[in-house]
Amino acid sequence: MNSKKEILINFGLKVREIRKEKGLSQEELAHKADLHRTYIGMIERAEKNVTLLNIEKIANALEVGIKELF
């Protein structure tokens, strides 16, 4: 169970890191990705197990490849 949580934590930290590097707020990223602001926050805090479709939306919004998020 720990390893499952670890991947969520690492993914969320990477999203936050890239978002901040790009100078985006959670709200701005959510708007660009067509997702809700609270959903982005939950991903960054490892509270949500994000779907592949939403990973693609986030990567596109951050203008990075999907692999950059892992």
Protein backbone atom coordinates (compact mmCIF):
# COMPACT_ATOMS: atom_id res chain seq x y z
CA MET A 1 0.00 0.00 0.00
CA ASN A 2 2.89 2.37 0.73
CA SER A 3 4.21 2.14 -2.84
CA LYS A 4 0.79 3.14 -4.21
CA LYS A 5 0.76 6.25 -2.06
CA GLU A 6 4.38 7.00 -2.95
CA ILE A 7 3.61 7.27 -6.68
CA LEU A 8 0.76 9.70 -5.91
CA ILE A 9 3.07 11.79 -3.74
CA ASN A 10 5.84 11.85 -6.34
CA PHE A 11 3.42 12.71 -9.15
CA GLY A 12 1.85 15.52 -7.14
CA LEU A 13 5.24 16.97 -6.21
CA LYS A 14 6.33 16.93 -9.85
CA VAL A 15 3.14 18.67 -11.00
CA ARG A 16 3.64 21.33 -8.31
CA GLU A 17 7.32 21.77 -9.20
CA ILE A 18 6.67 22.25 -12.92
CA ARG A 19 3.62 24.45 -12.28
CA LYS A 20 5.71 26.76 -10.09
CA GLU A 21 8.59 26.78 -12.59
CA LYS A 22 6.08 27.94 -15.22
CA GLY A 23 4.78 30.64 -12.86
CA LEU A 24 1.25 29.26 -12.82
CA SER A 25 -1.20 29.23 -9.94
CA GLN A 26 -3.30 26.13 -9.33
CA GLU A 27 -6.26 28.05 -10.73
CA GLU A 28 -4.38 28.98 -13.91
CA LEU A 29 -3.22 25.40 -14.44
CA ALA A 30 -6.73 24.11 -13.83
CA HIS A 31 -8.14 26.55 -16.39
CA LYS A 32 -5.54 25.58 -19.01
CA ALA A 33 -6.16 21.87 -18.36
CA ASP A 34 -9.97 22.24 -18.25
CA LEU A 35 -10.02 20.81 -14.73
CA HIS A 36 -11.25 22.19 -11.40
CA ARG A 37 -8.82 24.12 -9.16
CA THR A 38 -9.57 21.91 -6.16
CA TYR A 39 -8.79 18.83 -8.26
CA ILE A 40 -5.31 20.20 -9.03
CA GLY A 41 -4.78 20.84 -5.32
CA MET A 42 -5.87 17.32 -4.46
CA ILE A 43 -3.44 15.89 -7.03
CA GLU A 44 -0.59 17.97 -5.63
CA ARG A 45 -1.40 16.78 -2.10
CA ALA A 46 -1.61 13.12 -3.28
CA GLU A 47 -5.29 12.92 -2.36
CA LYS A 48 -6.47 11.92 -5.85
CA ASN A 49 -5.53 9.02 -8.07
CA VAL A 50 -5.50 10.91 -11.35
CA THR A 51 -6.68 9.25 -14.59
CA LEU A 52 -4.56 8.89 -17.70
CA LEU A 53 -6.80 11.32 -19.56
CA ASN A 54 -6.28 13.96 -16.89
CA ILE A 55 -2.53 13.30 -16.81
CA GLU A 56 -2.51 14.13 -20.52
CA LYS A 57 -4.53 17.32 -19.91
CA ILE A 58 -2.11 18.42 -17.18
CA ALA A 59 0.96 17.65 -19.31
CA ASN A 60 -0.49 19.61 -22.23
CA ALA A 61 -1.39 22.54 -19.98
CA LEU A 62 2.15 22.56 -18.56
CA GLU A 63 3.56 22.16 -22.08
CA VAL A 64 5.61 19.09 -21.14
CA GLY A 65 5.57 15.48 -22.21
CA ILE A 66 3.69 13.02 -20.05
CA LYS A 67 6.95 11.31 -19.10
CA GLU A 68 8.18 14.57 -17.53
CA LEU A 69 5.50 14.17 -14.84
CA PHE A 70 6.95 10.87 -13.62
